[in-house]
Amino acid sequence: MREVVWGALDETGLRRDDPTTWQIERPSHLQHLKSHPACRAVGSARTVEAIDRMLDGQRWWIPAGWGAFFVVFPAARPWTVPADGWHLDADYAGPLSPPKGHAPPAAHLGAAPRFLLNKDLYL
């Protein structure tokens, strides 16, 4: 998966072994990677089982694509939670309670990121 992401970034001019090319802090338009076989592995049997257990019998559907990649390169300023681009995928037509299978954003608000992308990143 790491090679696939870096390959897509390379096509936009962001070179893995040349940090001087990392001028785009939050590269976008990586959604096409969801269909790559290496990235589809995110929806493994282990992942599906964990979701089944978390939802405790509630119905849900296995998505065709398991989400987009959020890549953040180092910046010259302190990192903060991005203020735009967030959304929540949910069953808006269903009952309000109990909540039905949603995809929570990676929002540990107030927490620094665990890592920044670098040439040694293991996804």
PDB file of N, CA and C in Angstrom:
ATOM      1  N   MET A   1       0.831  -1.186   0.000  1.00  0.00           N
ATOM      2  CA  MET A   1       0.000   0.000   0.000  1.00  0.00           C
ATOM      3  C   MET A   1       0.877   1.251   0.000  1.00  0.00           C
ATOM      4  N   ARG A   2       1.952   1.218   0.742  1.00  0.00           N
ATOM      5  CA  ARG A   2       2.858   2.363   0.793  1.00  0.00           C
ATOM      6  C   ARG A   2       3.367   2.704  -0.599  1.00  0.00           C
ATOM      7  N   GLU A   3       3.751   1.679  -1.355  1.00  0.00           N
ATOM      8  CA  GLU A   3       4.268   1.900  -2.710  1.00  0.00           C
ATOM      9  C   GLU A   3       3.200   2.508  -3.610  1.00  0.00           C
ATOM     10  N   VAL A   4       1.971   2.070  -3.449  1.00  0.00           N
ATOM     11  CA  VAL A   4       0.866   2.583  -4.256  1.00  0.00           C
ATOM     12  C   VAL A   4       0.646   4.071  -3.970  1.00  0.00           C
ATOM     13  N   VAL A   5       0.627   4.440  -2.686  1.00  0.00           N
ATOM     14  CA  VAL A   5       0.417   5.846  -2.322  1.00  0.00           C
ATOM     15  C   VAL A   5       1.569   6.705  -2.836  1.00  0.00           C
ATOM     16  N   TRP A   6       2.794   6.261  -2.619  1.00  0.00           N
ATOM     17  CA  TRP A   6       3.934   7.039  -3.105  1.00  0.00           C
ATOM     18  C   TRP A   6       3.934   7.124  -4.625  1.00  0.00           C
ATOM     19  N   GLY A   7       3.496   6.072  -5.311  1.00  0.00           N
ATOM     20  CA  GLY A   7       3.415   6.125  -6.771  1.00  0.00           C
ATOM     21  C   GLY A   7       2.453   7.202  -7.242  1.00  0.00           C
ATOM     22  N   ALA A   8       1.304   7.300  -6.576  1.00  0.00           N
ATOM     23  CA  ALA A   8       0.327   8.340  -6.931  1.00  0.00           C
ATOM     24  C   ALA A   8       0.865   9.729  -6.617  1.00  0.00           C
ATOM     25  N   LEU A   9       1.547   9.863  -5.495  1.00  0.00           N
ATOM     26  CA  LEU A   9       2.128  11.165  -5.148  1.00  0.00           C
ATOM     27  C   LEU A   9       3.220  11.554  -6.143  1.00  0.00           C
ATOM     28  N   ASP A  10       3.991  10.571  -6.590  1.00  0.00           N
ATOM     29  CA  ASP A  10       5.055  10.827  -7.558  1.00  0.00           C
ATOM     30  C   ASP A  10       4.487  11.404  -8.854  1.00  0.00           C
ATOM     31  N   GLU A  11       3.300  10.931  -9.248  1.00  0.00           N
ATOM     32  CA  GLU A  11       2.655  11.432 -10.464  1.00  0.00           C
ATOM     33  C   GLU A  11       2.289  12.914 -10.350  1.00  0.00           C
ATOM     34  N   THR A  12       2.189  13.425  -9.127  1.00  0.00           N
ATOM     35  CA  THR A  12       1.866  14.846  -8.924  1.00  0.00           C
ATOM     36  C   THR A  12       3.108  15.683  -8.652  1.00  0.00           C
ATOM     37  N   GLY A  13       4.283  15.041  -8.701  1.00  0.00           N
ATOM     38  CA  GLY A  13       5.524  15.783  -8.495  1.00  0.00           C
ATOM     39  C   GLY A  13       6.084  15.693  -7.088  1.00  0.00           C
ATOM     40  N   LEU A  14       5.400  14.981  -6.206  1.00  0.00           N
ATOM     41  CA  LEU A  14       5.876  14.805  -4.837  1.00  0.00           C
ATOM     42  C   LEU A  14       6.755  13.559  -4.806  1.00  0.00           C
ATOM     43  N   ARG A  15       8.055  13.771  -4.745  1.00  0.00           N
ATOM     44  CA  ARG A  15       9.022  12.680  -4.839  1.00  0.00           C
ATOM     45  C   ARG A  15       9.388  12.139  -3.464  1.00  0.00           C
ATOM     46  N   ARG A  16       9.295  10.857  -3.331  1.00  0.00           N
ATOM     47  CA  ARG A  16       9.536  10.178  -2.060  1.00  0.00           C
ATOM     48  C   ARG A  16      10.905  10.512  -1.456  1.00  0.00           C
ATOM     49  N   ASP A  17      11.930  10.511  -2.264  1.00  0.00           N
ATOM     50  CA  ASP A  17      13.285  10.709  -1.760  1.00  0.00           C
ATOM     51  C   ASP A  17      13.785  12.144  -1.890  1.00  0.00           C
ATOM     52  N   ASP A  18      12.854  13.081  -2.118  1.00  0.00           N
ATOM     53  CA  ASP A  18      13.260  14.474  -2.269  1.00  0.00           C
ATOM     54  C   ASP A  18      12.299  15.384  -1.504  1.00  0.00           C
ATOM     55  N   PRO A  19      12.526  15.569  -0.205  1.00  0.00           N
ATOM     56  CA  PRO A  19      11.622  16.398   0.599  1.00  0.00           C
ATOM     57  C   PRO A  19      11.446  17.825   0.082  1.00  0.00           C
ATOM     58  N   THR A  20      12.352  18.307  -0.764  1.00  0.00           N
ATOM     59  CA  THR A  20      12.162  19.653  -1.307  1.00  0.00           C
ATOM     60  C   THR A  20      10.947  19.711  -2.224  1.00  0.00           C
ATOM     61  N   THR A  21      10.451  18.563  -2.677  1.00  0.00           N
ATOM     62  CA  THR A  21       9.255  18.541  -3.541  1.00  0.00           C
ATOM     63  C   THR A  21       7.967  18.480  -2.736  1.00  0.00           C
ATOM     64  N   TRP A  22       8.061  18.348  -1.433  1.00  0.00           N
ATOM     65  CA  TRP A  22       6.883  18.203  -0.586  1.00  0.00           C
ATOM     66  C   TRP A  22       6.279  19.565  -0.279  1.00  0.00           C
ATOM     67  N   GLN A  23       5.867  20.269  -1.301  1.00  0.00           N
ATOM     68  CA  GLN A  23       5.359  21.633  -1.166  1.00  0.00           C
ATOM     69  C   GLN A  23       3.852  21.686  -0.954  1.00  0.00           C
ATOM     70  N   ILE A  24       3.159  20.586  -1.184  1.00  0.00           N
ATOM     71  CA  ILE A  24       1.715  20.537  -0.968  1.00  0.00           C
ATOM     72  C   ILE A  24       1.492  19.870   0.383  1.00  0.00           C
ATOM     73  N   GLU A  25       1.004  20.620   1.350  1.00  0.00           N
ATOM     74  CA  GLU A  25       0.860  20.072   2.705  1.00  0.00           C
ATOM     75  C   GLU A  25      -0.154  18.937   2.763  1.00  0.00           C
ATOM     76  N   ARG A  26      -1.292  19.117   2.095  1.00  0.00           N
ATOM     77  CA  ARG A  26      -2.355  18.106   2.120  1.00  0.00           C
ATOM     78  C   ARG A  26      -2.734  17.734   0.679  1.00  0.00           C
ATOM     79  N   PRO A  27      -1.991  16.824   0.064  1.00  0.00           N
ATOM     80  CA  PRO A  27      -2.338  16.438  -1.311  1.00  0.00           C
ATOM     81  C   PRO A  27      -3.759  15.874  -1.370  1.00  0.00           C
ATOM     82  N   SER A  28      -4.433  16.162  -2.464  1.00  0.00           N
ATOM     83  CA  SER A  28      -5.811  15.692  -2.619  1.00  0.00           C
ATOM     84  C   SER A  28      -5.938  14.854  -3.882  1.00  0.00           C
ATOM     85  N   HIS A  29      -7.136  14.422  -4.131  1.00  0.00           N
ATOM     86  CA  HIS A  29      -7.474  13.630  -5.316  1.00  0.00           C
ATOM     87  C   HIS A  29      -6.755  12.289  -5.339  1.00  0.00           C
ATOM     88  N   LEU A  30      -6.740  11.610  -4.196  1.00  0.00           N
ATOM     89  CA  LEU A  30      -6.162  10.272  -4.117  1.00  0.00           C
ATOM     90  C   LEU A  30      -7.255   9.202  -4.036  1.00  0.00           C
ATOM     91  N   GLN A  31      -8.521   9.604  -4.249  1.00  0.00           N
ATOM     92  CA  GLN A  31      -9.637   8.677  -4.127  1.00  0.00           C
ATOM     93  C   GLN A  31      -9.518   7.476  -5.071  1.00  0.00           C
ATOM     94  N   HIS A  32      -8.899   7.684  -6.227  1.00  0.00           N
ATOM     95  CA  HIS A  32      -8.787   6.581  -7.190  1.00  0.00           C
ATOM     96  C   HIS A  32      -7.995   5.401  -6.639  1.00  0.00           C
ATOM     97  N   LEU A  33      -7.232   5.617  -5.589  1.00  0.00           N
ATOM     98  CA  LEU A  33      -6.444   4.540  -4.993  1.00  0.00           C
ATOM     99  C   LEU A  33      -7.322   3.512  -4.278  1.00  0.00           C
ATOM    100  N   LYS A  34      -8.550   3.889  -3.927  1.00  0.00           N
ATOM    101  CA  LYS A  34      -9.441   2.965  -3.218  1.00  0.00           C
ATOM    102  C   LYS A  34      -9.666   1.678  -4.001  1.00  0.00           C
ATOM    103  N   SER A  35      -9.608   1.757  -5.331  1.00  0.00           N
ATOM    104  CA  SER A  35      -9.888   0.577  -6.139  1.00  0.00           C
ATOM    105  C   SER A  35      -8.643  -0.264  -6.419  1.00  0.00           C
ATOM    106  N   HIS A  36      -7.499   0.192  -5.997  1.00  0.00           N
ATOM    107  CA  HIS A  36      -6.268  -0.579  -6.211  1.00  0.00           C
ATOM    108  C   HIS A  36      -6.301  -1.817  -5.307  1.00  0.00           C
ATOM    109  N   PRO A  37      -5.908  -2.985  -5.819  1.00  0.00           N
ATOM    110  CA  PRO A  37      -5.950  -4.213  -4.999  1.00  0.00           C
ATOM    111  C   PRO A  37      -5.223  -4.091  -3.660  1.00  0.00           C
ATOM    112  N   ALA A  38      -4.096  -3.407  -3.634  1.00  0.00           N
ATOM    113  CA  ALA A  38      -3.358  -3.264  -2.373  1.00  0.00           C
ATOM    114  C   ALA A  38      -4.154  -2.470  -1.348  1.00  0.00           C
ATOM    115  N   CYS A  39      -4.961  -1.535  -1.807  1.00  0.00           N
ATOM    116  CA  CYS A  39      -5.738  -0.692  -0.901  1.00  0.00           C
ATOM    117  C   CYS A  39      -7.074  -1.336  -0.535  1.00  0.00           C
ATOM    118  N   ARG A  40      -7.616  -2.154  -1.426  1.00  0.00           N
ATOM    119  CA  ARG A  40      -8.867  -2.851  -1.110  1.00  0.00           C
ATOM    120  C   ARG A  40      -8.668  -3.837   0.041  1.00  0.00           C
ATOM    121  N   ALA A  41      -7.428  -4.224   0.301  1.00  0.00           N
ATOM    122  CA  ALA A  41      -7.144  -5.162   1.390  1.00  0.00           C
ATOM    123  C   ALA A  41      -7.540  -4.593   2.748  1.00  0.00           C
ATOM    124  N   VAL A  42      -7.786  -3.284   2.819  1.00  0.00           N
ATOM    125  CA  VAL A  42      -8.230  -2.671   4.069  1.00  0.00           C
ATOM    126  C   VAL A  42      -9.523  -3.330   4.534  1.00  0.00           C
ATOM    127  N   GLY A  43     -10.365  -3.728   3.580  1.00  0.00           N
ATOM    128  CA  GLY A  43     -11.643  -4.367   3.911  1.00  0.00           C
ATOM    129  C   GLY A  43     -11.505  -5.862   4.090  1.00  0.00           C
ATOM    130  N   SER A  44     -10.525  -6.289   4.850  1.00  0.00           N
ATOM    131  CA  SER A  44     -10.271  -7.713   5.056  1.00  0.00           C
ATOM    132  C   SER A  44     -11.359  -8.352   5.925  1.00  0.00           C
ATOM    133  N   ALA A  45     -11.329  -9.671   5.999  1.00  0.00           N
ATOM    134  CA  ALA A  45     -12.268 -10.391   6.860  1.00  0.00           C
ATOM    135  C   ALA A  45     -12.123  -9.928   8.309  1.00  0.00           C
ATOM    136  N   ARG A  46     -10.907  -9.628   8.735  1.00  0.00           N
ATOM    137  CA  ARG A  46     -10.665  -9.168  10.106  1.00  0.00           C
ATOM    138  C   ARG A  46     -11.340  -7.813  10.342  1.00  0.00           C
ATOM    139  N   THR A  47     -11.250  -6.913   9.358  1.00  0.00           N
ATOM    140  CA  THR A  47     -11.897  -5.605   9.475  1.00  0.00           C
ATOM    141  C   THR A  47     -13.410  -5.763   9.547  1.00  0.00           C
ATOM    142  N   VAL A  48     -13.963  -6.571   8.646  1.00  0.00           N
ATOM    143  CA  VAL A  48     -15.412  -6.792   8.609  1.00  0.00           C
ATOM    144  C   VAL A  48     -15.889  -7.389   9.931  1.00  0.00           C
ATOM    145  N   GLU A  49     -15.141  -8.350  10.465  1.00  0.00           N
ATOM    146  CA  GLU A  49     -15.514  -8.963  11.744  1.00  0.00           C
ATOM    147  C   GLU A  49     -15.505  -7.933  12.874  1.00  0.00           C
ATOM    148  N   ALA A  50     -14.507  -7.055  12.881  1.00  0.00           N
ATOM    149  CA  ALA A  50     -14.432  -6.032  13.923  1.00  0.00           C
ATOM    150  C   ALA A  50     -15.622  -5.078  13.839  1.00  0.00           C
ATOM    151  N   ILE A  51     -15.993  -4.699  12.643  1.00  0.00           N
ATOM    152  CA  ILE A  51     -17.153  -3.810  12.473  1.00  0.00           C
ATOM    153  C   ILE A  51     -18.427  -4.518  12.906  1.00  0.00           C
ATOM    154  N   ASP A  52     -18.568  -5.785  12.517  1.00  0.00           N
ATOM    155  CA  ASP A  52     -19.743  -6.562  12.939  1.00  0.00           C
ATOM    156  C   ASP A  52     -19.857  -6.582  14.464  1.00  0.00           C
ATOM    157  N   ARG A  53     -18.737  -6.810  15.129  1.00  0.00           N
ATOM    158  CA  ARG A  53     -18.751  -6.880  16.596  1.00  0.00           C
ATOM    159  C   ARG A  53     -19.074  -5.518  17.202  1.00  0.00           C
ATOM    160  N   MET A  54     -18.515  -4.462  16.621  1.00  0.00           N
ATOM    161  CA  MET A  54     -18.743  -3.120  17.148  1.00  0.00           C
ATOM    162  C   MET A  54     -20.214  -2.721  17.005  1.00  0.00           C
ATOM    163  N   LEU A  55     -20.839  -3.097  15.887  1.00  0.00           N
ATOM    164  CA  LEU A  55     -22.231  -2.715  15.647  1.00  0.00           C
ATOM    165  C   LEU A  55     -23.225  -3.672  16.303  1.00  0.00           C
ATOM    166  N   ASP A  56     -22.726  -4.756  16.870  1.00  0.00           N
ATOM    167  CA  ASP A  56     -23.543  -5.672  17.670  1.00  0.00           C
ATOM    168  C   ASP A  56     -24.850  -6.066  16.981  1.00  0.00           C
ATOM    169  N   GLY A  57     -24.735  -6.577  15.777  1.00  0.00           N
ATOM    170  CA  GLY A  57     -25.906  -7.095  15.075  1.00  0.00           C
ATOM    171  C   GLY A  57     -26.654  -6.095  14.217  1.00  0.00           C
ATOM    172  N   GLN A  58     -26.307  -4.823  14.283  1.00  0.00           N
ATOM    173  CA  GLN A  58     -26.972  -3.851  13.420  1.00  0.00           C
ATOM    174  C   GLN A  58     -26.565  -4.094  11.979  1.00  0.00           C
ATOM    175  N   ARG A  59     -27.500  -3.893  11.075  1.00  0.00           N
ATOM    176  CA  ARG A  59     -27.223  -4.090   9.657  1.00  0.00           C
ATOM    177  C   ARG A  59     -26.311  -2.998   9.134  1.00  0.00           C
ATOM    178  N   TRP A  60     -25.406  -3.381   8.259  1.00  0.00           N
ATOM    179  CA  TRP A  60     -24.545  -2.422   7.565  1.00  0.00           C
ATOM    180  C   TRP A  60     -24.144  -3.045   6.244  1.00  0.00           C
ATOM    181  N   TRP A  61     -23.631  -2.244   5.351  1.00  0.00           N
ATOM    182  CA  TRP A  61     -23.203  -2.751   4.058  1.00  0.00           C
ATOM    183  C   TRP A  61     -21.703  -2.573   3.921  1.00  0.00           C
ATOM    184  N   ILE A  62     -21.100  -3.524   3.243  1.00  0.00           N
ATOM    185  CA  ILE A  62     -19.667  -3.442   2.989  1.00  0.00           C
ATOM    186  C   ILE A  62     -19.470  -2.455   1.835  1.00  0.00           C
ATOM    187  N   PRO A  63     -18.730  -1.400   2.053  1.00  0.00           N
ATOM    188  CA  PRO A  63     -18.568  -0.386   0.999  1.00  0.00           C
ATOM    189  C   PRO A  63     -17.735  -0.904  -0.171  1.00  0.00           C
ATOM    190  N   ALA A  64     -18.018  -0.356  -1.334  1.00  0.00           N
ATOM    191  CA  ALA A  64     -17.229  -0.703  -2.522  1.00  0.00           C
ATOM    192  C   ALA A  64     -15.811  -0.161  -2.379  1.00  0.00           C
ATOM    193  N   GLY A  65     -15.677   0.995  -1.773  1.00  0.00           N
ATOM    194  CA  GLY A  65     -14.377   1.604  -1.499  1.00  0.00           C
ATOM    195  C   GLY A  65     -14.293   1.903  -0.016  1.00  0.00           C
ATOM    196  N   TRP A  66     -13.154   1.653   0.581  1.00  0.00           N
ATOM    197  CA  TRP A  66     -13.042   1.758   2.034  1.00  0.00           C
ATOM    198  C   TRP A  66     -12.535   3.111   2.507  1.00  0.00           C
ATOM    199  N   GLY A  67     -12.640   4.130   1.731  1.00  0.00           N
ATOM    200  CA  GLY A  67     -12.237   5.455   2.196  1.00  0.00           C
ATOM    201  C   GLY A  67     -11.061   6.005   1.432  1.00  0.00           C
ATOM    202  N   ALA A  68     -10.787   7.247   1.697  1.00  0.00           N
ATOM    203  CA  ALA A  68      -9.716   7.948   1.005  1.00  0.00           C
ATOM    204  C   ALA A  68      -8.468   7.992   1.882  1.00  0.00           C
ATOM    205  N   PHE A  69      -7.381   8.378   1.273  1.00  0.00           N
ATOM    206  CA  PHE A  69      -6.130   8.519   2.003  1.00  0.00           C
ATOM    207  C   PHE A  69      -5.952   9.965   2.425  1.00  0.00           C
ATOM    208  N   PHE A  70      -5.576  10.155   3.668  1.00  0.00           N
ATOM    209  CA  PHE A  70      -5.289  11.478   4.177  1.00  0.00           C
ATOM    210  C   PHE A  70      -3.785  11.559   4.399  1.00  0.00           C
ATOM    211  N   VAL A  71      -3.137  12.294   3.543  1.00  0.00           N
ATOM    212  CA  VAL A  71      -1.685  12.432   3.580  1.00  0.00           C
ATOM    213  C   VAL A  71      -1.371  13.856   3.988  1.00  0.00           C
ATOM    214  N   VAL A  72      -0.499  14.011   4.983  1.00  0.00           N
ATOM    215  CA  VAL A  72      -0.102  15.332   5.446  1.00  0.00           C
ATOM    216  C   VAL A  72       1.420  15.383   5.491  1.00  0.00           C
ATOM    217  N   PHE A  73       1.972  16.362   4.797  1.00  0.00           N
ATOM    218  CA  PHE A  73       3.417  16.562   4.799  1.00  0.00           C
ATOM    219  C   PHE A  73       3.795  17.602   5.856  1.00  0.00           C
ATOM    220  N   PRO A  74       5.035  17.584   6.307  1.00  0.00           N
ATOM    221  CA  PRO A  74       5.482  18.575   7.302  1.00  0.00           C
ATOM    222  C   PRO A  74       5.300  20.003   6.776  1.00  0.00           C
ATOM    223  N   ALA A  75       4.991  20.891   7.697  1.00  0.00           N
ATOM    224  CA  ALA A  75       4.842  22.309   7.359  1.00  0.00           C
ATOM    225  C   ALA A  75       5.751  23.117   8.282  1.00  0.00           C
ATOM    226  N   ALA A  76       5.971  24.361   7.918  1.00  0.00           N
ATOM    227  CA  ALA A  76       6.842  25.239   8.702  1.00  0.00           C
ATOM    228  C   ALA A  76       6.149  25.789   9.937  1.00  0.00           C
ATOM    229  N   ARG A  77       4.896  25.442  10.137  1.00  0.00           N
ATOM    230  CA  ARG A  77       4.137  25.936  11.290  1.00  0.00           C
ATOM    231  C   ARG A  77       3.680  24.747  12.126  1.00  0.00           C
ATOM    232  N   PRO A  78       3.264  24.980  13.361  1.00  0.00           N
ATOM    233  CA  PRO A  78       2.764  23.877  14.186  1.00  0.00           C
ATOM    234  C   PRO A  78       1.519  23.247  13.553  1.00  0.00           C
ATOM    235  N   TRP A  79       1.372  21.942  13.713  1.00  0.00           N
ATOM    236  CA  TRP A  79       0.222  21.228  13.156  1.00  0.00           C
ATOM    237  C   TRP A  79      -1.018  21.521  13.978  1.00  0.00           C
ATOM    238  N   THR A  80      -2.149  21.701  13.299  1.00  0.00           N
ATOM    239  CA  THR A  80      -3.445  21.832  13.944  1.00  0.00           C
ATOM    240  C   THR A  80      -4.430  20.961  13.184  1.00  0.00           C
ATOM    241  N   VAL A  81      -5.541  20.637  13.810  1.00  0.00           N
ATOM    242  CA  VAL A  81      -6.575  19.862  13.132  1.00  0.00           C
ATOM    243  C   VAL A  81      -7.113  20.717  11.982  1.00  0.00           C
ATOM    244  N   PRO A  82      -7.126  20.183  10.753  1.00  0.00           N
ATOM    245  CA  PRO A  82      -7.663  20.965   9.637  1.00  0.00           C
ATOM    246  C   PRO A  82      -9.103  21.374   9.908  1.00  0.00           C
ATOM    247  N   ALA A  83      -9.445  22.588   9.544  1.00  0.00           N
ATOM    248  CA  ALA A  83     -10.777  23.126   9.815  1.00  0.00           C
ATOM    249  C   ALA A  83     -11.774  22.838   8.707  1.00  0.00           C
ATOM    250  N   ASP A  84     -11.318  22.345   7.564  1.00  0.00           N
ATOM    251  CA  ASP A  84     -12.252  22.090   6.473  1.00  0.00           C
ATOM    252  C   ASP A  84     -12.043  20.679   5.936  1.00  0.00           C
ATOM    253  N   GLY A  85     -12.995  20.230   5.135  1.00  0.00           N
ATOM    254  CA  GLY A  85     -12.873  18.935   4.503  1.00  0.00           C
ATOM    255  C   GLY A  85     -13.428  17.770   5.309  1.00  0.00           C
ATOM    256  N   TRP A  86     -13.925  18.010   6.515  1.00  0.00           N
ATOM    257  CA  TRP A  86     -14.466  16.937   7.346  1.00  0.00           C
ATOM    258  C   TRP A  86     -15.900  16.656   6.950  1.00  0.00           C
ATOM    259  N   HIS A  87     -16.290  15.407   7.070  1.00  0.00           N
ATOM    260  CA  HIS A  87     -17.689  15.034   6.882  1.00  0.00           C
ATOM    261  C   HIS A  87     -17.933  13.728   7.618  1.00  0.00           C
ATOM    262  N   LEU A  88     -19.188  13.371   7.739  1.00  0.00           N
ATOM    263  CA  LEU A  88     -19.568  12.145   8.411  1.00  0.00           C
ATOM    264  C   LEU A  88     -20.473  11.353   7.488  1.00  0.00           C
ATOM    265  N   ASP A  89     -20.138  10.089   7.253  1.00  0.00           N
ATOM    266  CA  ASP A  89     -20.979   9.223   6.446  1.00  0.00           C
ATOM    267  C   ASP A  89     -21.913   8.485   7.385  1.00  0.00           C
ATOM    268  N   ALA A  90     -23.214   8.627   7.163  1.00  0.00           N
ATOM    269  CA  ALA A  90     -24.169   7.996   8.063  1.00  0.00           C
ATOM    270  C   ALA A  90     -25.449   7.663   7.312  1.00  0.00           C
ATOM    271  N   ASP A  91     -26.300   6.892   7.950  1.00  0.00           N
ATOM    272  CA  ASP A  91     -27.614   6.550   7.425  1.00  0.00           C
ATOM    273  C   ASP A  91     -28.575   7.660   7.847  1.00  0.00           C
ATOM    274  N   TYR A  92     -28.704   8.673   7.020  1.00  0.00           N
ATOM    275  CA  TYR A  92     -29.517   9.832   7.378  1.00  0.00           C
ATOM    276  C   TYR A  92     -31.008   9.566   7.302  1.00  0.00           C
ATOM    277  N   ALA A  93     -31.413   8.502   6.596  1.00  0.00           N
ATOM    278  CA  ALA A  93     -32.833   8.199   6.461  1.00  0.00           C
ATOM    279  C   ALA A  93     -33.325   7.275   7.569  1.00  0.00           C
ATOM    280  N   GLY A  94     -32.417   6.705   8.358  1.00  0.00           N
ATOM    281  CA  GLY A  94     -32.787   5.758   9.409  1.00  0.00           C
ATOM    282  C   GLY A  94     -33.181   6.455  10.691  1.00  0.00           C
ATOM    283  N   PRO A  95     -33.577   5.661  11.683  1.00  0.00           N
ATOM    284  CA  PRO A  95     -33.946   6.245  12.973  1.00  0.00           C
ATOM    285  C   PRO A  95     -32.734   6.893  13.638  1.00  0.00           C
ATOM    286  N   LEU A  96     -33.000   7.853  14.500  1.00  0.00           N
ATOM    287  CA  LEU A  96     -31.917   8.570  15.165  1.00  0.00           C
ATOM    288  C   LEU A  96     -31.263   7.748  16.267  1.00  0.00           C
ATOM    289  N   SER A  97     -32.022   6.803  16.824  1.00  0.00           N
ATOM    290  CA  SER A  97     -31.469   6.023  17.920  1.00  0.00           C
ATOM    291  C   SER A  97     -31.877   4.564  17.749  1.00  0.00           C
ATOM    292  N   PRO A  98     -30.977   3.643  17.943  1.00  0.00           N
ATOM    293  CA  PRO A  98     -29.555   3.837  18.178  1.00  0.00           C
ATOM    294  C   PRO A  98     -28.866   4.272  16.902  1.00  0.00           C
ATOM    295  N   PRO A  99     -27.716   4.911  17.033  1.00  0.00           N
ATOM    296  CA  PRO A  99     -27.003   5.343  15.825  1.00  0.00           C
ATOM    297  C   PRO A  99     -26.651   4.139  14.960  1.00  0.00           C
ATOM    298  N   LYS A 100     -26.806   4.295  13.672  1.00  0.00           N
ATOM    299  CA  LYS A 100     -26.503   3.207  12.738  1.00  0.00           C
ATOM    300  C   LYS A 100     -25.143   3.438  12.121  1.00  0.00           C
ATOM    301  N   GLY A 101     -24.442   2.368  11.847  1.00  0.00           N
ATOM    302  CA  GLY A 101     -23.105   2.335  11.289  1.00  0.00           C
ATOM    303  C   GLY A 101     -22.613   3.589  10.601  1.00  0.00           C
ATOM    304  N   HIS A 102     -21.809   4.320  11.265  1.00  0.00           N
ATOM    305  CA  HIS A 102     -21.229   5.520  10.676  1.00  0.00           C
ATOM    306  C   HIS A 102     -19.725   5.353  10.548  1.00  0.00           C
ATOM    307  N   ALA A 103     -19.140   6.164   9.720  1.00  0.00           N
ATOM    308  CA  ALA A 103     -17.689   6.174   9.547  1.00  0.00           C
ATOM    309  C   ALA A 103     -17.154   7.417  10.236  1.00  0.00           C
ATOM    310  N   PRO A 104     -16.685   7.295  11.472  1.00  0.00           N
ATOM    311  CA  PRO A 104     -16.259   8.495  12.195  1.00  0.00           C
ATOM    312  C   PRO A 104     -15.015   9.106  11.567  1.00  0.00           C
ATOM    313  N   PRO A 105     -14.959  10.418  11.502  1.00  0.00           N
ATOM    314  CA  PRO A 105     -13.741  11.045  10.999  1.00  0.00           C
ATOM    315  C   PRO A 105     -12.598  10.797  11.976  1.00  0.00           C
ATOM    316  N   ALA A 106     -11.404  10.916  11.497  1.00  0.00           N
ATOM    317  CA  ALA A 106     -10.231  10.700  12.346  1.00  0.00           C
ATOM    318  C   ALA A 106     -10.058  11.912  13.236  1.00  0.00           C
ATOM    319  N   ALA A 107     -10.978  12.081  14.172  1.00  0.00           N
ATOM    320  CA  ALA A 107     -11.016  13.307  14.955  1.00  0.00           C
ATOM    321  C   ALA A 107     -10.689  13.057  16.409  1.00  0.00           C
ATOM    322  N   HIS A 108      -9.443  12.977  16.706  1.00  0.00           N
ATOM    323  CA  HIS A 108      -9.012  13.001  18.089  1.00  0.00           C
ATOM    324  C   HIS A 108      -8.598  14.447  18.325  1.00  0.00           C
ATOM    325  N   LEU A 109      -9.597  15.291  18.410  1.00  0.00           N
ATOM    326  CA  LEU A 109      -9.351  16.722  18.451  1.00  0.00           C
ATOM    327  C   LEU A 109      -8.435  17.080  19.600  1.00  0.00           C
ATOM    328  N   GLY A 110      -7.487  17.925  19.299  1.00  0.00           N
ATOM    329  CA  GLY A 110      -6.540  18.359  20.291  1.00  0.00           C
ATOM    330  C   GLY A 110      -5.315  17.464  20.373  1.00  0.00           C
ATOM    331  N   ALA A 111      -5.322  16.362  19.634  1.00  0.00           N
ATOM    332  CA  ALA A 111      -4.170  15.456  19.661  1.00  0.00           C
ATOM    333  C   ALA A 111      -3.306  15.705  18.438  1.00  0.00           C
ATOM    334  N   ALA A 112      -2.024  15.654  18.639  1.00  0.00           N
ATOM    335  CA  ALA A 112      -1.097  15.801  17.512  1.00  0.00           C
ATOM    336  C   ALA A 112      -1.132  14.539  16.675  1.00  0.00           C
ATOM    337  N   PRO A 113      -0.794  14.636  15.408  1.00  0.00           N
ATOM    338  CA  PRO A 113      -0.788  13.431  14.570  1.00  0.00           C
ATOM    339  C   PRO A 113       0.264  12.452  15.078  1.00  0.00           C
ATOM    340  N   ARG A 114       0.025  11.166  14.837  1.00  0.00           N
ATOM    341  CA  ARG A 114       0.966  10.156  15.305  1.00  0.00           C
ATOM    342  C   ARG A 114       2.232  10.139  14.472  1.00  0.00           C
ATOM    343  N   PHE A 115       2.112  10.544  13.211  1.00  0.00           N
ATOM    344  CA  PHE A 115       3.290  10.594  12.364  1.00  0.00           C
ATOM    345  C   PHE A 115       3.011  11.496  11.184  1.00  0.00           C
ATOM    346  N   LEU A 116       4.064  11.935  10.571  1.00  0.00           N
ATOM    347  CA  LEU A 116       3.970  12.675   9.316  1.00  0.00           C
ATOM    348  C   LEU A 116       4.566  11.793   8.238  1.00  0.00           C
ATOM    349  N   LEU A 117       4.114  11.981   7.036  1.00  0.00           N
ATOM    350  CA  LEU A 117       4.578  11.165   5.926  1.00  0.00           C
ATOM    351  C   LEU A 117       6.052  11.397   5.693  1.00  0.00           C
ATOM    352  N   ASN A 118       6.798  10.341   5.601  1.00  0.00           N
ATOM    353  CA  ASN A 118       8.191  10.431   5.201  1.00  0.00           C
ATOM    354  C   ASN A 118       8.546   9.189   4.402  1.00  0.00           C
ATOM    355  N   LYS A 119       9.738   9.121   3.882  1.00  0.00           N
ATOM    356  CA  LYS A 119      10.064   8.030   2.983  1.00  0.00           C
ATOM    357  C   LYS A 119      10.066   6.669   3.655  1.00  0.00           C
ATOM    358  N   ASP A 120      10.030   6.616   4.985  1.00  0.00           N
ATOM    359  CA  ASP A 120      10.038   5.356   5.709  1.00  0.00           C
ATOM    360  C   ASP A 120       8.673   4.953   6.235  1.00  0.00           C
ATOM    361  N   LEU A 121       7.612   5.665   5.822  1.00  0.00           N
ATOM    362  CA  LEU A 121       6.284   5.401   6.338  1.00  0.00           C
ATOM    363  C   LEU A 121       5.822   3.992   5.979  1.00  0.00           C
ATOM    364  N   TYR A 122       5.334   3.278   6.963  1.00  0.00           N
ATOM    365  CA  TYR A 122       4.720   1.977   6.740  1.00  0.00           C
ATOM    366  C   TYR A 122       3.238   2.122   7.037  1.00  0.00           C
ATOM    367  N   LEU A 123       2.427   1.918   6.035  1.00  0.00           N
ATOM    368  CA  LEU A 123       0.978   2.035   6.221  1.00  0.00           C
ATOM    369  C   LEU A 123       0.423   0.737   6.757  1.00  0.00           C
TER     370      LEU A 123
END
